[in-house]
Structures are given as C-alpha cells and as structure tokens.
Amino acid sequence: MLKLADHWVWDSWYATDDEGLHHVFFLRASRALQEEGRRHQRASIGHAVSRDLADWTLMPDALVCDDAPAWDDQATWTGSVVREDSGRWRMFYTGVSRAEDGKVQRIGSAVSDDLVSWTRLPGPQVEADPRWYERYSADSDWFDEACRDPWVYREGGEWRMLFTARTEGLEPARERGVVGRARSADLDEWEVLPPLNRPDALGFGQIEVTQLHRVDGQWLLLFCCGRGEASDARRALGEAGDNYVVPVELPLTGVDIAKARPFAHESLYAARLHDVDGRTVIIGFRNIEDGGFVGEIADPIPVRWDGERLVRA
C-alpha cells in the first residue's frame, strides 16, 4: 500500500528497471486543500519504488506544473512511461493550463536516464483534433476538453498512443466517450488518428486511463469510467462507474466498447495491470469508501482471464 499522511494519492502508472525494481508514478495533492474535489487542479506527479508493488519507498517527485505561461502551468496529470531505443526513458503525461482554467487537456513528455530525474520537453505534442474529437466551448454539454491519460506502446515499426477523448454528435453526452489514437515514428512528432471506437448506447461519458496488457494469452484493453458518467444502459445493468476490461486483438484497429465488462471491486479505480514474479496483478487507488475519498494506492491483486472476464486469481 502507498499511503501518504499529507497527500492524497490517486492515478498511477508503472515501469520496471533493469534491476527488476518497480517504479510507480502517481498523482498527488496536499490534504491541506481539505476538499478532495480541489486536488485535480493542484496535482503533481510523485514517484516511489518497490520490489513487490506493496512495500514502497518514496522518491523525489517526477514532475510539477511548469512556470506560467505554459500549456501545463496549472497541473500535471496521468501518463505512461516507455523506453526509447537508445535506452532513455520517456514519460508522456497530461497537462492543463491556468489560461483555460484547467478545462483543456493536452499531452506532452519528459525524458530521464534513470527514472528519477526528469527533463520536460517542448510541448504539447498531442491535442484534440476537431476533425474527430470534441473541443471545449462555453456552451459545451461536457465539463472539459478531454485529451489525457496517454498510453504509449509499440505496434509494428511505430509507436502508438491511446488517450481519453470524446467525440461530437447527436448521441447523449454519457455515450460519447471514445479512445483517442495517435501514431509516431520517433516519439516526438505525432499524427492524431480517428478514435478506436464509436459512441454506443452501452458506452461511457469518458473512457479514462486506458491500458493494453496481455493476460493468460489474451490482449485486454483496461479502462475506467467515473461514477455517474456511465450511459443510461450501463446504469440499467446496475453499473455506476468502475474499471472495465474488453478483449482485443493486435494490431489494434477497433474495439466494440459494448463488450466491456467490469472488474468487481469495492472501491478500486484507475487500475493498471502489471506483471510481477511471473503473475499478473491489478493495482490502483482506493476511491470512495463509506461516502468519502480515500486517496491511497491499494496492494496488488492477482488476476486471471477466464475467457469472458478479468477475475481474481
């Protein structure tokens, strides 16, 4: 468990170095804010290390907001870490700015030789392309412009990125969440692509914190949707926001989001799949319990794919 006495901890992402040490990067904000709803616009990226994903040693923070004026001068949010062909580490992350009151999200990156000291690169590198993705305006029927939570991976001879996005349309707002896509040859220049899925009656207002991971031979797309942001059809099934998994095939050309099934847990959110000691575990933060926000990273839970759902092992 990763619990800080003076900070809330929530979304997290992971990397494993050459010595087998697991690094977690996570969003953190001071509990002195008192109201947990204020944490998002004060978030920075923390860092800790562990041998088992349960006993953590806190490290220096990885990134904080940039000096104004900048595209990420309000807060830094969720991302992912990959290793370049040169051996250097690259972290992609989300940023929001004061100029837009934190309502417009963009994606940039930073580099490190040791996963500890990070250097921010010029950005942003990815923004919501209005050809396919919803942009924020004063009369929007949603509360922000979604372009966040980059998940970067190799596919064939190029890099691919999945990100949280929304599309415009006549469908209800809580059905228009999509998985955004982009591609790059070098991790620096990115081409934004059409979304991976279409709005669906069994869809979501937002498809957050996506990840691709292979479990028991099956590639899975893992994501989450906040409470109250699932479609009416999902609510009718008794779902009120959760972590979801849908099986996919690579190369990834599309996904039927209606086939997503929840992973049963009392409060786990923004979960990630990670391999440790030859087994796959799911790990995320404790969200709402007994009506209040917890804000700490839970211990890992061993999981398996039963052919239809992700379940506890």
C-alpha atoms as a PDB file:
ATOM      1  CA  MET A   1       0.000   0.000   0.000  1.00  0.00           C
ATOM      2  CA  LEU A   2       1.161   3.520  -0.762  1.00  0.00           C
ATOM      3  CA  LYS A   3      -0.395   5.968   1.678  1.00  0.00           C
ATOM      4  CA  LEU A   4       0.918   9.463   2.384  1.00  0.00           C
ATOM      5  CA  ALA A   5      -0.017  11.255   5.586  1.00  0.00           C
ATOM      6  CA  ASP A   6      -0.005  14.707   3.996  1.00  0.00           C
ATOM      7  CA  HIS A   7      -1.071  14.000   0.403  1.00  0.00           C
ATOM      8  CA  TRP A   8      -3.865  12.263  -1.432  1.00  0.00           C
ATOM      9  CA  VAL A   9      -2.639   9.733  -4.000  1.00  0.00           C
ATOM     10  CA  TRP A  10      -4.659   8.574  -6.993  1.00  0.00           C
ATOM     11  CA  ASP A  11      -3.948   7.637 -10.672  1.00  0.00           C
ATOM     12  CA  SER A  12      -0.729   5.648 -11.115  1.00  0.00           C
ATOM     13  CA  TRP A  13       1.437   4.124 -13.851  1.00  0.00           C
ATOM     14  CA  TYR A  14       4.429   1.802 -13.714  1.00  0.00           C
ATOM     15  CA  ALA A  15       7.834   0.923 -15.156  1.00  0.00           C
ATOM     16  CA  THR A  16      10.373  -1.768 -14.238  1.00  0.00           C
ATOM     17  CA  ASP A  17      14.102  -1.033 -14.500  1.00  0.00           C
ATOM     18  CA  ASP A  18      16.979  -3.338 -15.459  1.00  0.00           C
ATOM     19  CA  GLU A  19      17.420  -4.490 -11.845  1.00  0.00           C
ATOM     20  CA  GLY A  20      13.791  -5.550 -11.544  1.00  0.00           C
ATOM     21  CA  LEU A  21      12.853  -2.582  -9.352  1.00  0.00           C
ATOM     22  CA  HIS A  22       9.291  -1.389  -9.921  1.00  0.00           C
ATOM     23  CA  HIS A  23       8.736   2.353 -10.249  1.00  0.00           C
ATOM     24  CA  VAL A  24       5.321   3.896  -9.698  1.00  0.00           C
ATOM     25  CA  PHE A  25       4.450   7.394 -10.848  1.00  0.00           C
ATOM     26  CA  PHE A  26       1.287   8.794  -9.342  1.00  0.00           C
ATOM     27  CA  LEU A  27      -0.845  11.887  -8.976  1.00  0.00           C
ATOM     28  CA  ARG A  28      -0.598  13.600  -5.616  1.00  0.00           C
ATOM     29  CA  ALA A  29      -2.045  16.723  -3.983  1.00  0.00           C
ATOM     30  CA  SER A  30      -1.875  18.093  -0.460  1.00  0.00           C
ATOM     31  CA  ARG A  31      -4.541  17.078   2.034  1.00  0.00           C
ATOM     32  CA  ALA A  32      -4.295  20.666   3.309  1.00  0.00           C
ATOM     33  CA  LEU A  33      -6.681  21.524   0.465  1.00  0.00           C
ATOM     34  CA  GLN A  34      -9.281  19.875   2.758  1.00  0.00           C
ATOM     35  CA  GLU A  35     -11.810  19.388  -0.064  1.00  0.00           C
ATOM     36  CA  GLU A  36     -10.715  16.458  -2.219  1.00  0.00           C
ATOM     37  CA  GLY A  37     -12.507  17.880  -5.251  1.00  0.00           C
ATOM     38  CA  ARG A  38      -9.852  20.610  -5.404  1.00  0.00           C
ATOM     39  CA  ARG A  39      -6.995  18.135  -5.835  1.00  0.00           C
ATOM     40  CA  HIS A  40      -7.166  17.848  -9.633  1.00  0.00           C
ATOM     41  CA  GLN A  41      -6.081  21.426 -10.289  1.00  0.00           C
ATOM     42  CA  ARG A  42      -3.219  21.074  -7.769  1.00  0.00           C
ATOM     43  CA  ALA A  43      -1.891  17.713  -8.949  1.00  0.00           C
ATOM     44  CA  SER A  44       1.778  16.918  -9.481  1.00  0.00           C
ATOM     45  CA  ILE A  45       3.492  13.626 -10.339  1.00  0.00           C
ATOM     46  CA  GLY A  46       5.058  11.702  -7.471  1.00  0.00           C
ATOM     47  CA  HIS A  47       7.414   8.722  -7.590  1.00  0.00           C
ATOM     48  CA  ALA A  48       8.110   5.662  -5.430  1.00  0.00           C
ATOM     49  CA  VAL A  49       9.912   2.318  -5.855  1.00  0.00           C
ATOM     50  CA  SER A  50       9.199  -1.236  -4.706  1.00  0.00           C
ATOM     51  CA  ARG A  51      10.302  -4.841  -5.145  1.00  0.00           C
ATOM     52  CA  ASP A  52       6.797  -6.274  -4.720  1.00  0.00           C
ATOM     53  CA  LEU A  53       4.317  -3.440  -5.528  1.00  0.00           C
ATOM     54  CA  ALA A  54       3.212  -3.452  -1.888  1.00  0.00           C
ATOM     55  CA  ASP A  55       6.081  -2.043   0.208  1.00  0.00           C
ATOM     56  CA  TRP A  56       7.013   1.351  -1.272  1.00  0.00           C
ATOM     57  CA  THR A  57       9.930   3.759  -0.775  1.00  0.00           C
ATOM     58  CA  LEU A  58       9.126   7.365  -1.622  1.00  0.00           C
ATOM     59  CA  MET A  59      11.398   9.106  -4.153  1.00  0.00           C
ATOM     60  CA  PRO A  60      11.696  12.747  -5.264  1.00  0.00           C
ATOM     61  CA  ASP A  61       8.721  13.992  -7.264  1.00  0.00           C
ATOM     62  CA  ALA A  62       8.991  13.395 -11.002  1.00  0.00           C
ATOM     63  CA  LEU A  63       7.188  16.455 -12.406  1.00  0.00           C
ATOM     64  CA  VAL A  64       5.320  19.529 -11.226  1.00  0.00           C
ATOM     65  CA  CYS A  65       3.499  22.187 -13.233  1.00  0.00           C
ATOM     66  CA  ASP A  66       5.637  24.448 -15.409  1.00  0.00           C
ATOM     67  CA  ASP A  67       6.152  28.177 -14.901  1.00  0.00           C
ATOM     68  CA  ALA A  68       3.458  30.336 -16.489  1.00  0.00           C
ATOM     69  CA  PRO A  69       2.682  30.913 -19.247  1.00  0.00           C
ATOM     70  CA  ALA A  70       2.781  27.292 -20.397  1.00  0.00           C
ATOM     71  CA  TRP A  71       0.395  24.609 -21.611  1.00  0.00           C
ATOM     72  CA  ASP A  72       0.926  22.704 -18.329  1.00  0.00           C
ATOM     73  CA  ASP A  73       1.265  25.561 -15.826  1.00  0.00           C
ATOM     74  CA  GLN A  74      -1.837  24.577 -13.790  1.00  0.00           C
ATOM     75  CA  ALA A  75      -1.351  20.862 -13.090  1.00  0.00           C
ATOM     76  CA  THR A  76       0.254  17.685 -14.424  1.00  0.00           C
ATOM     77  CA  TRP A  77      -1.877  14.568 -14.760  1.00  0.00           C
ATOM     78  CA  THR A  78      -1.840  10.908 -15.714  1.00  0.00           C
ATOM     79  CA  GLY A  79       0.540   9.345 -18.226  1.00  0.00           C
ATOM     80  CA  SER A  80       2.722   6.354 -19.038  1.00  0.00           C
ATOM     81  CA  VAL A  81       6.419   5.508 -19.366  1.00  0.00           C
ATOM     82  CA  VAL A  82       8.201   3.766 -22.249  1.00  0.00           C
ATOM     83  CA  ARG A  83      11.842   3.118 -23.061  1.00  0.00           C
ATOM     84  CA  GLU A  84      13.352   4.602 -26.183  1.00  0.00           C
ATOM     85  CA  ASP A  85      15.571   2.524 -28.456  1.00  0.00           C
ATOM     86  CA  SER A  86      18.539   4.472 -27.051  1.00  0.00           C
ATOM     87  CA  GLY A  87      17.759   3.214 -23.542  1.00  0.00           C
ATOM     88  CA  ARG A  88      16.498   6.580 -22.341  1.00  0.00           C
ATOM     89  CA  TRP A  89      13.120   6.655 -20.587  1.00  0.00           C
ATOM     90  CA  ARG A  90      10.236   8.752 -21.891  1.00  0.00           C
ATOM     91  CA  MET A  91       7.230   9.777 -19.805  1.00  0.00           C
ATOM     92  CA  PHE A  92       4.121  11.010 -21.565  1.00  0.00           C
ATOM     93  CA  TYR A  93       1.782  12.971 -19.316  1.00  0.00           C
ATOM     94  CA  THR A  94      -1.272  15.248 -19.331  1.00  0.00           C
ATOM     95  CA  GLY A  95      -1.133  18.978 -18.696  1.00  0.00           C
ATOM     96  CA  VAL A  96      -3.694  21.731 -18.131  1.00  0.00           C
ATOM     97  CA  SER A  97      -3.158  25.494 -18.067  1.00  0.00           C
ATOM     98  CA  ARG A  98      -4.292  28.433 -15.972  1.00  0.00           C
ATOM     99  CA  ALA A  99      -5.187  30.433 -19.075  1.00  0.00           C
ATOM    100  CA  GLU A 100      -8.016  27.980 -19.805  1.00  0.00           C
ATOM    101  CA  ASP A 101      -8.985  27.435 -16.176  1.00  0.00           C
ATOM    102  CA  GLY A 102      -7.751  23.847 -16.409  1.00  0.00           C
ATOM    103  CA  LYS A 103     -10.548  22.860 -18.805  1.00  0.00           C
ATOM    104  CA  VAL A 104      -8.448  21.985 -21.890  1.00  0.00           C
ATOM    105  CA  GLN A 105      -6.167  18.948 -21.703  1.00  0.00           C
ATOM    106  CA  ARG A 106      -3.065  18.333 -23.790  1.00  0.00           C
ATOM    107  CA  ILE A 107      -0.299  15.735 -23.843  1.00  0.00           C
ATOM    108  CA  GLY A 108       3.458  16.250 -23.651  1.00  0.00           C
ATOM    109  CA  SER A 109       6.528  14.355 -22.487  1.00  0.00           C
ATOM    110  CA  ALA A 110       9.683  14.358 -20.392  1.00  0.00           C
ATOM    111  CA  VAL A 111      12.870  12.258 -20.547  1.00  0.00           C
ATOM    112  CA  SER A 112      15.113  10.583 -17.985  1.00  0.00           C
ATOM    113  CA  ASP A 113      18.220   8.399 -17.931  1.00  0.00           C
ATOM    114  CA  ASP A 114      17.447   6.881 -14.522  1.00  0.00           C
ATOM    115  CA  LEU A 115      13.652   7.189 -13.945  1.00  0.00           C
ATOM    116  CA  VAL A 116      14.410   9.663 -11.137  1.00  0.00           C
ATOM    117  CA  SER A 117      15.439  12.999 -12.684  1.00  0.00           C
ATOM    118  CA  TRP A 118      13.131  14.133 -15.491  1.00  0.00           C
ATOM    119  CA  THR A 119      13.569  16.880 -18.089  1.00  0.00           C
ATOM    120  CA  ARG A 120      10.434  18.340 -19.668  1.00  0.00           C
ATOM    121  CA  LEU A 121      10.478  18.553 -23.475  1.00  0.00           C
ATOM    122  CA  PRO A 122       8.848  21.331 -25.532  1.00  0.00           C
ATOM    123  CA  GLY A 123       5.146  20.698 -25.930  1.00  0.00           C
ATOM    124  CA  PRO A 124       2.395  19.950 -26.190  1.00  0.00           C
ATOM    125  CA  GLN A 125       2.786  17.065 -28.618  1.00  0.00           C
ATOM    126  CA  VAL A 126      -0.827  15.882 -28.874  1.00  0.00           C
ATOM    127  CA  GLU A 127      -4.080  17.879 -28.774  1.00  0.00           C
ATOM    128  CA  ALA A 128      -7.710  17.026 -29.546  1.00  0.00           C
ATOM    129  CA  ASP A 129      -8.103  17.191 -33.341  1.00  0.00           C
ATOM    130  CA  PRO A 130     -11.508  18.792 -34.119  1.00  0.00           C
ATOM    131  CA  ARG A 131     -11.919  16.546 -37.175  1.00  0.00           C
ATOM    132  CA  TRP A 132     -12.695  13.683 -34.802  1.00  0.00           C
ATOM    133  CA  TYR A 133     -12.727  14.921 -31.219  1.00  0.00           C
ATOM    134  CA  GLU A 134     -14.899  17.251 -29.184  1.00  0.00           C
ATOM    135  CA  ARG A 135     -13.448  20.649 -28.278  1.00  0.00           C
ATOM    136  CA  TYR A 136     -14.477  22.638 -25.232  1.00  0.00           C
ATOM    137  CA  SER A 137     -16.568  25.804 -25.507  1.00  0.00           C
ATOM    138  CA  ALA A 138     -18.784  27.857 -23.216  1.00  0.00           C
ATOM    139  CA  ASP A 139     -21.892  26.058 -24.497  1.00  0.00           C
ATOM    140  CA  SER A 140     -20.416  22.530 -24.360  1.00  0.00           C
ATOM    141  CA  ASP A 141     -22.579  19.805 -22.831  1.00  0.00           C
ATOM    142  CA  TRP A 142     -19.482  18.380 -21.108  1.00  0.00           C
ATOM    143  CA  PHE A 143     -17.257  19.932 -18.459  1.00  0.00           C
ATOM    144  CA  ASP A 144     -13.855  19.776 -20.204  1.00  0.00           C
ATOM    145  CA  GLU A 145     -11.931  19.063 -23.404  1.00  0.00           C
ATOM    146  CA  ALA A 146     -10.683  15.509 -23.000  1.00  0.00           C
ATOM    147  CA  CYS A 147      -7.207  14.707 -24.304  1.00  0.00           C
ATOM    148  CA  ARG A 148      -5.425  12.959 -21.447  1.00  0.00           C
ATOM    149  CA  ASP A 149      -4.091   9.729 -19.909  1.00  0.00           C
ATOM    150  CA  PRO A 150      -1.707   8.803 -22.759  1.00  0.00           C
ATOM    151  CA  TRP A 151      -0.861   5.101 -23.007  1.00  0.00           C
ATOM    152  CA  VAL A 152       2.080   4.605 -25.395  1.00  0.00           C
ATOM    153  CA  TYR A 153       3.172   1.249 -26.829  1.00  0.00           C
ATOM    154  CA  ARG A 154       4.988  -0.288 -29.805  1.00  0.00           C
ATOM    155  CA  GLU A 155       2.989  -1.774 -32.661  1.00  0.00           C
ATOM    156  CA  GLY A 156       4.868  -2.968 -35.690  1.00  0.00           C
ATOM    157  CA  GLY A 157       7.557  -0.468 -36.579  1.00  0.00           C
ATOM    158  CA  GLU A 158       5.986   2.573 -34.948  1.00  0.00           C
ATOM    159  CA  TRP A 159       4.791   3.984 -31.664  1.00  0.00           C
ATOM    160  CA  ARG A 160       1.093   4.186 -30.886  1.00  0.00           C
ATOM    161  CA  MET A 161      -0.778   6.238 -28.308  1.00  0.00           C
ATOM    162  CA  LEU A 162      -4.216   5.720 -26.780  1.00  0.00           C
ATOM    163  CA  PHE A 163      -5.788   8.604 -24.875  1.00  0.00           C
ATOM    164  CA  THR A 164      -9.031   9.674 -23.197  1.00  0.00           C
ATOM    165  CA  ALA A 165     -11.205  11.658 -25.609  1.00  0.00           C
ATOM    166  CA  ARG A 166     -14.763  12.483 -26.605  1.00  0.00           C
ATOM    167  CA  THR A 167     -16.483  12.864 -29.942  1.00  0.00           C
ATOM    168  CA  GLU A 168     -19.172  15.307 -31.013  1.00  0.00           C
ATOM    169  CA  GLY A 169     -22.535  14.021 -32.184  1.00  0.00           C
ATOM    170  CA  LEU A 170     -26.233  13.683 -31.519  1.00  0.00           C
ATOM    171  CA  GLU A 171     -25.811  10.837 -29.045  1.00  0.00           C
ATOM    172  CA  PRO A 172     -26.345  11.551 -25.330  1.00  0.00           C
ATOM    173  CA  ALA A 173     -23.301  13.063 -23.619  1.00  0.00           C
ATOM    174  CA  ARG A 174     -22.726   9.952 -21.482  1.00  0.00           C
ATOM    175  CA  GLU A 175     -22.372   7.775 -24.592  1.00  0.00           C
ATOM    176  CA  ARG A 176     -19.759   9.847 -26.444  1.00  0.00           C
ATOM    177  CA  GLY A 177     -16.575   8.820 -24.655  1.00  0.00           C
ATOM    178  CA  VAL A 178     -14.018   7.360 -27.070  1.00  0.00           C
ATOM    179  CA  VAL A 179     -10.468   6.045 -27.072  1.00  0.00           C
ATOM    180  CA  GLY A 180      -8.353   8.558 -28.959  1.00  0.00           C
ATOM    181  CA  ARG A 181      -5.411   7.424 -31.074  1.00  0.00           C
ATOM    182  CA  ALA A 182      -2.156   8.826 -32.417  1.00  0.00           C
ATOM    183  CA  ARG A 183       0.991   7.410 -34.019  1.00  0.00           C
ATOM    184  CA  SER A 184       4.641   8.395 -34.260  1.00  0.00           C
ATOM    185  CA  ALA A 185       7.865   7.129 -35.772  1.00  0.00           C
ATOM    186  CA  ASP A 186      10.133   8.804 -33.207  1.00  0.00           C
ATOM    187  CA  LEU A 187       8.053   9.720 -30.088  1.00  0.00           C
ATOM    188  CA  ASP A 188       8.484  13.415 -30.941  1.00  0.00           C
ATOM    189  CA  GLU A 189       6.162  14.098 -33.878  1.00  0.00           C
ATOM    190  CA  TRP A 190       2.656  12.650 -33.546  1.00  0.00           C
ATOM    191  CA  GLU A 191      -0.178  12.224 -36.039  1.00  0.00           C
ATOM    192  CA  VAL A 192      -3.616  12.172 -34.416  1.00  0.00           C
ATOM    193  CA  LEU A 193      -5.899   9.445 -35.805  1.00  0.00           C
ATOM    194  CA  PRO A 194      -9.664   8.768 -35.677  1.00  0.00           C
ATOM    195  CA  PRO A 195     -10.941   7.160 -32.458  1.00  0.00           C
ATOM    196  CA  LEU A 196     -10.724   3.455 -31.746  1.00  0.00           C
ATOM    197  CA  ASN A 197     -14.461   3.133 -31.050  1.00  0.00           C
ATOM    198  CA  ARG A 198     -17.770   4.814 -31.808  1.00  0.00           C
ATOM    199  CA  PRO A 199     -20.375   6.149 -29.360  1.00  0.00           C
ATOM    200  CA  ASP A 200     -22.661   3.383 -28.147  1.00  0.00           C
ATOM    201  CA  ALA A 201     -25.790   3.010 -26.030  1.00  0.00           C
ATOM    202  CA  LEU A 202     -23.683   0.714 -23.818  1.00  0.00           C
ATOM    203  CA  GLY A 203     -20.889   3.274 -23.823  1.00  0.00           C
ATOM    204  CA  PHE A 204     -19.480   5.837 -21.423  1.00  0.00           C
ATOM    205  CA  GLY A 205     -19.181   9.572 -20.946  1.00  0.00           C
ATOM    206  CA  GLN A 206     -15.442   9.119 -20.720  1.00  0.00           C
ATOM    207  CA  ILE A 207     -13.091   6.185 -21.152  1.00  0.00           C
ATOM    208  CA  GLU A 208     -10.269   7.009 -18.756  1.00  0.00           C
ATOM    209  CA  VAL A 209      -6.772   5.693 -18.028  1.00  0.00           C
ATOM    210  CA  THR A 210      -6.610   3.155 -20.855  1.00  0.00           C
ATOM    211  CA  GLN A 211      -4.000   0.402 -20.937  1.00  0.00           C
ATOM    212  CA  LEU A 212      -3.181  -2.569 -23.159  1.00  0.00           C
ATOM    213  CA  HIS A 213      -1.932  -5.685 -21.378  1.00  0.00           C
ATOM    214  CA  ARG A 214      -1.766  -9.398 -22.138  1.00  0.00           C
ATOM    215  CA  VAL A 215      -3.261 -11.739 -19.534  1.00  0.00           C
ATOM    216  CA  ASP A 216      -3.242 -15.534 -19.988  1.00  0.00           C
ATOM    217  CA  GLY A 217      -2.573 -15.115 -23.702  1.00  0.00           C
ATOM    218  CA  GLN A 218      -5.388 -12.608 -24.304  1.00  0.00           C
ATOM    219  CA  TRP A 219      -4.779  -8.936 -25.069  1.00  0.00           C
ATOM    220  CA  LEU A 220      -7.063  -6.744 -22.967  1.00  0.00           C
ATOM    221  CA  LEU A 221      -7.999  -3.077 -23.063  1.00  0.00           C
ATOM    222  CA  LEU A 222      -8.391  -1.851 -19.493  1.00  0.00           C
ATOM    223  CA  PHE A 223     -10.069   1.474 -18.691  1.00  0.00           C
ATOM    224  CA  CYS A 224     -12.305   3.136 -16.130  1.00  0.00           C
ATOM    225  CA  CYS A 225     -15.354   5.385 -16.032  1.00  0.00           C
ATOM    226  CA  GLY A 226     -16.281   7.655 -13.144  1.00  0.00           C
ATOM    227  CA  ARG A 227     -19.392   7.284 -11.050  1.00  0.00           C
ATOM    228  CA  GLY A 228     -22.346   8.975 -12.679  1.00  0.00           C
ATOM    229  CA  GLU A 229     -20.677   9.106 -16.117  1.00  0.00           C
ATOM    230  CA  ALA A 230     -21.783   5.736 -17.485  1.00  0.00           C
ATOM    231  CA  SER A 231     -24.589   5.598 -20.056  1.00  0.00           C
ATOM    232  CA  ASP A 232     -28.217   5.032 -19.079  1.00  0.00           C
ATOM    233  CA  ALA A 233     -27.982   1.481 -20.438  1.00  0.00           C
ATOM    234  CA  ARG A 234     -24.964   0.774 -18.219  1.00  0.00           C
ATOM    235  CA  ARG A 235     -26.823   2.169 -15.219  1.00  0.00           C
ATOM    236  CA  ALA A 236     -29.770  -0.074 -16.033  1.00  0.00           C
ATOM    237  CA  LEU A 237     -27.355  -3.007 -15.681  1.00  0.00           C
ATOM    238  CA  GLY A 238     -26.520  -1.807 -12.179  1.00  0.00           C
ATOM    239  CA  GLU A 239     -23.175  -0.291 -13.180  1.00  0.00           C
ATOM    240  CA  ALA A 240     -22.346   3.121 -11.766  1.00  0.00           C
ATOM    241  CA  GLY A 241     -18.753   3.529 -12.912  1.00  0.00           C
ATOM    242  CA  ASP A 242     -15.898   1.098 -12.448  1.00  0.00           C
ATOM    243  CA  ASN A 243     -12.788  -0.451 -14.006  1.00  0.00           C
ATOM    244  CA  TYR A 244     -13.654  -2.218 -17.262  1.00  0.00           C
ATOM    245  CA  VAL A 245     -11.938  -4.759 -19.496  1.00  0.00           C
ATOM    246  CA  VAL A 246     -12.642  -5.677 -23.115  1.00  0.00           C
ATOM    247  CA  PRO A 247     -10.704  -8.312 -25.128  1.00  0.00           C
ATOM    248  CA  VAL A 248      -8.921  -7.005 -28.238  1.00  0.00           C
ATOM    249  CA  GLU A 249      -6.579  -8.247 -30.942  1.00  0.00           C
ATOM    250  CA  LEU A 250      -3.339  -6.700 -32.175  1.00  0.00           C
ATOM    251  CA  PRO A 251      -2.778  -4.854 -34.404  1.00  0.00           C
ATOM    252  CA  LEU A 252      -5.407  -2.719 -32.721  1.00  0.00           C
ATOM    253  CA  THR A 253      -7.822  -1.376 -35.349  1.00  0.00           C
ATOM    254  CA  GLY A 254     -11.035  -1.036 -33.365  1.00  0.00           C
ATOM    255  CA  VAL A 255     -12.907  -2.102 -30.255  1.00  0.00           C
ATOM    256  CA  ASP A 256     -16.546  -2.890 -29.500  1.00  0.00           C
ATOM    257  CA  ILE A 257     -16.953  -0.927 -26.283  1.00  0.00           C
ATOM    258  CA  ALA A 258     -20.346  -2.560 -25.651  1.00  0.00           C
ATOM    259  CA  LYS A 259     -18.456  -5.774 -24.820  1.00  0.00           C
ATOM    260  CA  ALA A 260     -16.617  -4.167 -21.886  1.00  0.00           C
ATOM    261  CA  ARG A 261     -17.194  -5.917 -18.561  1.00  0.00           C
ATOM    262  CA  PRO A 262     -16.452  -4.519 -15.089  1.00  0.00           C
ATOM    263  CA  PHE A 263     -13.791  -5.875 -12.761  1.00  0.00           C
ATOM    264  CA  ALA A 264     -15.507  -6.400  -9.426  1.00  0.00           C
ATOM    265  CA  HIS A 265     -14.021  -4.384  -6.555  1.00  0.00           C
ATOM    266  CA  GLU A 266     -15.432  -2.245  -3.775  1.00  0.00           C
ATOM    267  CA  SER A 267     -13.534   0.977  -4.498  1.00  0.00           C
ATOM    268  CA  LEU A 268     -10.534   0.380  -6.804  1.00  0.00           C
ATOM    269  CA  TYR A 269     -10.224   2.984  -9.566  1.00  0.00           C
ATOM    270  CA  ALA A 270      -7.832   3.962 -12.386  1.00  0.00           C
ATOM    271  CA  ALA A 271      -6.434   0.438 -12.149  1.00  0.00           C
ATOM    272  CA  ARG A 272      -3.383  -0.860 -14.010  1.00  0.00           C
ATOM    273  CA  LEU A 273      -2.284  -4.365 -14.926  1.00  0.00           C
ATOM    274  CA  HIS A 274       1.339  -5.218 -14.189  1.00  0.00           C
ATOM    275  CA  ASP A 275       3.445  -8.384 -14.145  1.00  0.00           C
ATOM    276  CA  VAL A 276       5.424  -9.247 -11.019  1.00  0.00           C
ATOM    277  CA  ASP A 277       7.129 -12.540 -10.096  1.00  0.00           C
ATOM    278  CA  GLY A 278       5.560 -14.346 -13.035  1.00  0.00           C
ATOM    279  CA  ARG A 279       1.972 -13.367 -12.308  1.00  0.00           C
ATOM    280  CA  THR A 280      -0.342 -10.590 -13.418  1.00  0.00           C
ATOM    281  CA  VAL A 281      -1.773  -8.249 -10.810  1.00  0.00           C
ATOM    282  CA  ILE A 282      -4.171  -5.327 -10.888  1.00  0.00           C
ATOM    283  CA  ILE A 283      -3.303  -2.254  -8.860  1.00  0.00           C
ATOM    284  CA  GLY A 284      -4.988   1.120  -8.465  1.00  0.00           C
ATOM    285  CA  PHE A 285      -6.134   3.629  -5.890  1.00  0.00           C
ATOM    286  CA  ARG A 286      -8.855   3.345  -3.274  1.00  0.00           C
ATOM    287  CA  ASN A 287     -11.525   5.781  -4.349  1.00  0.00           C
ATOM    288  CA  ILE A 288     -14.817   6.271  -2.474  1.00  0.00           C
ATOM    289  CA  GLU A 289     -15.430   4.241   0.680  1.00  0.00           C
ATOM    290  CA  ASP A 290     -18.178   4.925   3.224  1.00  0.00           C
ATOM    291  CA  GLY A 291     -19.040   8.091   1.327  1.00  0.00           C
ATOM    292  CA  GLY A 292     -15.546   9.597   1.497  1.00  0.00           C
ATOM    293  CA  PHE A 293     -12.472   9.767  -0.727  1.00  0.00           C
ATOM    294  CA  VAL A 294      -9.580   7.572   0.474  1.00  0.00           C
ATOM    295  CA  GLY A 295      -6.720   8.530  -1.863  1.00  0.00           C
ATOM    296  CA  GLU A 296      -4.102   5.799  -1.443  1.00  0.00           C
ATOM    297  CA  ILE A 297      -2.743   3.054  -3.712  1.00  0.00           C
ATOM    298  CA  ALA A 298      -4.006  -0.380  -2.710  1.00  0.00           C
ATOM    299  CA  ASP A 299      -1.945  -3.557  -2.550  1.00  0.00           C
ATOM    300  CA  PRO A 300      -1.823  -5.530  -5.818  1.00  0.00           C
ATOM    301  CA  ILE A 301      -4.477  -8.168  -6.506  1.00  0.00           C
ATOM    302  CA  PRO A 302      -3.542 -11.285  -8.555  1.00  0.00           C
ATOM    303  CA  VAL A 303      -5.879 -11.690 -11.539  1.00  0.00           C
ATOM    304  CA  ARG A 304      -6.566 -14.039 -14.438  1.00  0.00           C
ATOM    305  CA  TRP A 305      -8.607 -14.034 -17.647  1.00  0.00           C
ATOM    306  CA  ASP A 306     -11.415 -16.609 -17.521  1.00  0.00           C
ATOM    307  CA  GLY A 307     -12.333 -16.262 -21.189  1.00  0.00           C
ATOM    308  CA  GLU A 308     -15.038 -13.659 -20.585  1.00  0.00           C
ATOM    309  CA  ARG A 309     -13.951 -11.502 -17.670  1.00  0.00           C
ATOM    310  CA  LEU A 310     -10.943 -10.414 -15.669  1.00  0.00           C
ATOM    311  CA  VAL A 311     -11.316 -12.069 -12.259  1.00  0.00           C
ATOM    312  CA  ARG A 312      -9.292 -12.510  -9.102  1.00  0.00           C
ATOM    313  CA  ALA A 313      -6.830 -15.383  -9.310  1.00  0.00           C
END
